[in-house]
Amino acid sequence: MERKIEISLTINDEVVDIPTMRAMGDDEYRSYVDGALFWMDHHDVIRSTVGEWPIAATPRQMELLIEYIQKKIDWIRETS
């Protein structure tokens, strides 16, 4: 028996393309990160706005996320 599942995804109007993101000033990018990319739910879990996937649910997970991002910063600096 074949089953079909229909999924609908609405992307927030605040999603931007790469050239627009590169042109953002610090304040504009901070606002984009803290609203268009991430939000904190009533359980203090950081979530992605697209799909509402949990990103970090504990202080330790936030530290690990920051560590991951720092490694990516270092890699981008080395390869640019």
N, C-alpha and C. Protein backbone atom coordinates (compact mmCIF):
# COMPACT_ATOMS: atom_id res chain seq x y z
N MET A 1 0.84 -1.17 0.00
CA MET A 1 0.00 0.00 0.00
C MET A 1 0.90 1.25 0.00
N GLU A 2 0.67 2.12 -0.93
CA GLU A 2 1.42 3.37 -1.02
C GLU A 2 0.70 4.47 -0.25
N ARG A 3 1.47 5.17 0.58
CA ARG A 3 0.90 6.28 1.36
C ARG A 3 1.57 7.56 0.92
N LYS A 4 0.81 8.59 0.78
CA LYS A 4 1.35 9.90 0.45
C LYS A 4 1.18 10.82 1.64
N ILE A 5 2.24 11.56 1.91
CA ILE A 5 2.20 12.55 2.98
C ILE A 5 2.47 13.90 2.33
N GLU A 6 1.60 14.84 2.57
CA GLU A 6 1.78 16.18 2.02
C GLU A 6 2.35 17.09 3.11
N ILE A 7 3.43 17.77 2.77
CA ILE A 7 4.08 18.68 3.71
C ILE A 7 4.09 20.07 3.10
N SER A 8 3.78 21.05 3.92
CA SER A 8 3.80 22.44 3.48
C SER A 8 4.76 23.20 4.37
N LEU A 9 5.60 24.03 3.76
CA LEU A 9 6.57 24.83 4.50
C LEU A 9 6.44 26.27 4.05
N THR A 10 6.21 27.15 4.98
CA THR A 10 6.16 28.57 4.69
C THR A 10 7.45 29.19 5.19
N ILE A 11 8.14 29.90 4.33
CA ILE A 11 9.39 30.53 4.72
C ILE A 11 9.12 31.98 5.07
N ASN A 12 9.63 32.37 6.21
CA ASN A 12 9.46 33.72 6.73
C ASN A 12 9.94 34.74 5.70
N ASP A 13 9.22 35.85 5.58
CA ASP A 13 9.60 36.91 4.65
C ASP A 13 10.96 37.51 4.97
N GLU A 14 11.45 37.31 6.19
CA GLU A 14 12.72 37.89 6.60
C GLU A 14 13.93 37.10 6.12
N VAL A 15 13.73 35.96 5.47
CA VAL A 15 14.85 35.20 4.94
C VAL A 15 15.50 36.02 3.83
N VAL A 16 16.82 36.07 3.84
CA VAL A 16 17.53 36.91 2.87
C VAL A 16 18.50 36.08 2.04
N ASP A 17 18.91 36.63 0.91
CA ASP A 17 19.90 35.95 0.08
C ASP A 17 21.31 36.32 0.57
N ILE A 18 22.31 35.64 0.03
CA ILE A 18 23.68 35.81 0.50
C ILE A 18 24.20 37.24 0.26
N PRO A 19 24.02 37.84 -0.92
CA PRO A 19 24.51 39.21 -1.09
C PRO A 19 23.88 40.20 -0.09
N THR A 20 22.59 40.04 0.17
CA THR A 20 21.92 40.91 1.14
C THR A 20 22.49 40.70 2.53
N MET A 21 22.73 39.43 2.89
CA MET A 21 23.28 39.13 4.21
C MET A 21 24.68 39.73 4.35
N ARG A 22 25.50 39.59 3.32
CA ARG A 22 26.85 40.14 3.37
C ARG A 22 26.85 41.66 3.53
N ALA A 23 25.83 42.32 3.03
CA ALA A 23 25.74 43.78 3.10
C ALA A 23 25.15 44.30 4.41
N MET A 24 24.64 43.41 5.25
CA MET A 24 24.02 43.83 6.51
C MET A 24 25.04 44.43 7.46
N GLY A 25 24.63 45.48 8.16
CA GLY A 25 25.43 46.01 9.26
C GLY A 25 25.24 45.13 10.48
N ASP A 26 26.05 45.38 11.52
CA ASP A 26 25.99 44.54 12.73
C ASP A 26 24.61 44.53 13.37
N ASP A 27 24.01 45.70 13.55
CA ASP A 27 22.70 45.75 14.20
C ASP A 27 21.63 45.03 13.39
N GLU A 28 21.67 45.20 12.08
CA GLU A 28 20.70 44.53 11.23
C GLU A 28 20.88 43.02 11.29
N TYR A 29 22.14 42.55 11.28
CA TYR A 29 22.38 41.12 11.36
C TYR A 29 21.97 40.55 12.71
N ARG A 30 22.27 41.28 13.80
CA ARG A 30 21.83 40.83 15.13
C ARG A 30 20.32 40.65 15.16
N SER A 31 19.61 41.61 14.60
CA SER A 31 18.15 41.54 14.57
C SER A 31 17.68 40.35 13.73
N TYR A 32 18.36 40.09 12.63
CA TYR A 32 18.03 38.95 11.77
C TYR A 32 18.24 37.63 12.52
N VAL A 33 19.36 37.51 13.21
CA VAL A 33 19.65 36.29 13.97
C VAL A 33 18.62 36.09 15.07
N ASP A 34 18.29 37.17 15.80
CA ASP A 34 17.39 37.08 16.95
C ASP A 34 15.95 37.36 16.55
N GLY A 35 15.48 36.74 15.55
CA GLY A 35 14.09 36.91 15.15
C GLY A 35 13.78 36.10 13.91
N ALA A 36 14.59 36.27 12.88
CA ALA A 36 14.35 35.55 11.64
C ALA A 36 14.98 34.15 11.67
N LEU A 37 16.09 33.99 12.41
CA LEU A 37 16.74 32.68 12.45
C LEU A 37 16.41 31.89 13.70
N PHE A 38 16.43 32.55 14.86
CA PHE A 38 16.26 31.86 16.13
C PHE A 38 15.26 32.59 17.01
N TRP A 39 14.66 31.84 17.93
CA TRP A 39 13.82 32.40 18.97
C TRP A 39 13.87 31.45 20.16
N MET A 40 13.49 31.94 21.33
CA MET A 40 13.50 31.13 22.54
C MET A 40 12.06 30.86 22.96
N ASP A 41 11.74 29.58 23.14
CA ASP A 41 10.38 29.23 23.53
C ASP A 41 10.17 29.37 25.04
N HIS A 42 8.98 29.05 25.51
CA HIS A 42 8.63 29.21 26.92
C HIS A 42 9.36 28.23 27.83
N HIS A 43 10.08 27.26 27.26
CA HIS A 43 10.90 26.34 28.05
C HIS A 43 12.38 26.76 28.03
N ASP A 44 12.64 27.96 27.50
CA ASP A 44 14.02 28.46 27.35
C ASP A 44 14.85 27.59 26.43
N VAL A 45 14.21 27.05 25.39
CA VAL A 45 14.90 26.27 24.37
C VAL A 45 15.06 27.17 23.14
N ILE A 46 16.29 27.28 22.67
CA ILE A 46 16.54 28.06 21.45
C ILE A 46 16.06 27.23 20.28
N ARG A 47 15.26 27.83 19.41
CA ARG A 47 14.70 27.11 18.27
C ARG A 47 14.97 27.87 16.97
N SER A 48 15.00 27.10 15.90
CA SER A 48 15.06 27.68 14.57
C SER A 48 13.66 28.19 14.21
N THR A 49 13.57 29.34 13.59
CA THR A 49 12.25 29.83 13.21
C THR A 49 11.67 29.01 12.07
N VAL A 50 12.51 28.53 11.15
CA VAL A 50 12.03 27.68 10.07
C VAL A 50 11.96 26.26 10.60
N GLY A 51 10.78 25.75 10.72
CA GLY A 51 10.58 24.39 11.21
C GLY A 51 10.51 24.28 12.72
N GLU A 52 10.91 25.32 13.42
CA GLU A 52 10.92 25.37 14.89
C GLU A 52 11.72 24.23 15.51
N TRP A 53 12.79 23.79 14.83
CA TRP A 53 13.64 22.74 15.37
C TRP A 53 14.40 23.26 16.57
N PRO A 54 14.52 22.46 17.62
CA PRO A 54 15.32 22.89 18.76
C PRO A 54 16.80 22.97 18.36
N ILE A 55 17.47 24.02 18.79
CA ILE A 55 18.89 24.24 18.49
C ILE A 55 19.73 24.00 19.74
N ALA A 56 19.29 24.51 20.88
CA ALA A 56 19.99 24.32 22.15
C ALA A 56 18.97 24.40 23.28
N ALA A 57 19.02 23.42 24.18
CA ALA A 57 18.04 23.37 25.26
C ALA A 57 18.66 23.52 26.64
N THR A 58 19.99 23.55 26.71
CA THR A 58 20.67 23.71 28.00
C THR A 58 21.82 24.70 27.83
N PRO A 59 22.29 25.27 28.94
CA PRO A 59 23.46 26.15 28.83
C PRO A 59 24.66 25.43 28.20
N ARG A 60 24.86 24.17 28.52
CA ARG A 60 25.98 23.42 27.94
C ARG A 60 25.82 23.28 26.43
N GLN A 61 24.61 23.02 25.98
CA GLN A 61 24.38 22.92 24.55
C GLN A 61 24.65 24.26 23.85
N MET A 62 24.32 25.37 24.52
CA MET A 62 24.65 26.69 23.96
C MET A 62 26.16 26.84 23.84
N GLU A 63 26.89 26.42 24.86
CA GLU A 63 28.36 26.48 24.81
C GLU A 63 28.90 25.65 23.65
N LEU A 64 28.34 24.47 23.46
CA LEU A 64 28.77 23.61 22.36
C LEU A 64 28.42 24.22 21.01
N LEU A 65 27.27 24.87 20.93
CA LEU A 65 26.89 25.56 19.70
C LEU A 65 27.86 26.70 19.40
N ILE A 66 28.21 27.46 20.41
CA ILE A 66 29.17 28.55 20.24
C ILE A 66 30.53 27.98 19.81
N GLU A 67 30.94 26.88 20.42
CA GLU A 67 32.19 26.22 20.04
C GLU A 67 32.16 25.81 18.57
N TYR A 68 31.05 25.24 18.14
CA TYR A 68 30.89 24.84 16.74
C TYR A 68 31.00 26.06 15.82
N ILE A 69 30.30 27.12 16.17
CA ILE A 69 30.32 28.32 15.35
C ILE A 69 31.72 28.92 15.32
N GLN A 70 32.43 28.92 16.45
CA GLN A 70 33.79 29.45 16.49
C GLN A 70 34.71 28.65 15.56
N LYS A 71 34.55 27.34 15.53
CA LYS A 71 35.35 26.52 14.62
C LYS A 71 35.05 26.89 13.17
N LYS A 72 33.80 27.16 12.86
CA LYS A 72 33.44 27.55 11.49
C LYS A 72 34.01 28.93 11.16
N ILE A 73 34.02 29.84 12.14
CA ILE A 73 34.64 31.16 11.93
C ILE A 73 36.11 30.99 11.59
N ASP A 74 36.80 30.18 12.37
CA ASP A 74 38.23 29.94 12.13
C ASP A 74 38.45 29.34 10.74
N TRP A 75 37.63 28.38 10.36
CA TRP A 75 37.77 27.73 9.06
C TRP A 75 37.54 28.73 7.92
N ILE A 76 36.51 29.57 8.05
CA ILE A 76 36.22 30.57 7.02
C ILE A 76 37.37 31.56 6.90
N ARG A 77 37.91 31.99 8.03
CA ARG A 77 39.05 32.93 7.99
C ARG A 77 40.26 32.30 7.32
N GLU A 78 40.50 31.03 7.57
CA GLU A 78 41.66 30.34 6.99
C GLU A 78 41.50 30.12 5.49
N THR A 79 40.28 29.93 5.02
CA THR A 79 40.07 29.61 3.62
C THR A 79 39.72 30.83 2.76
N SER A 80 39.51 31.96 3.39
CA SER A 80 39.13 33.17 2.62
C SER A 80 40.34 33.89 2.11
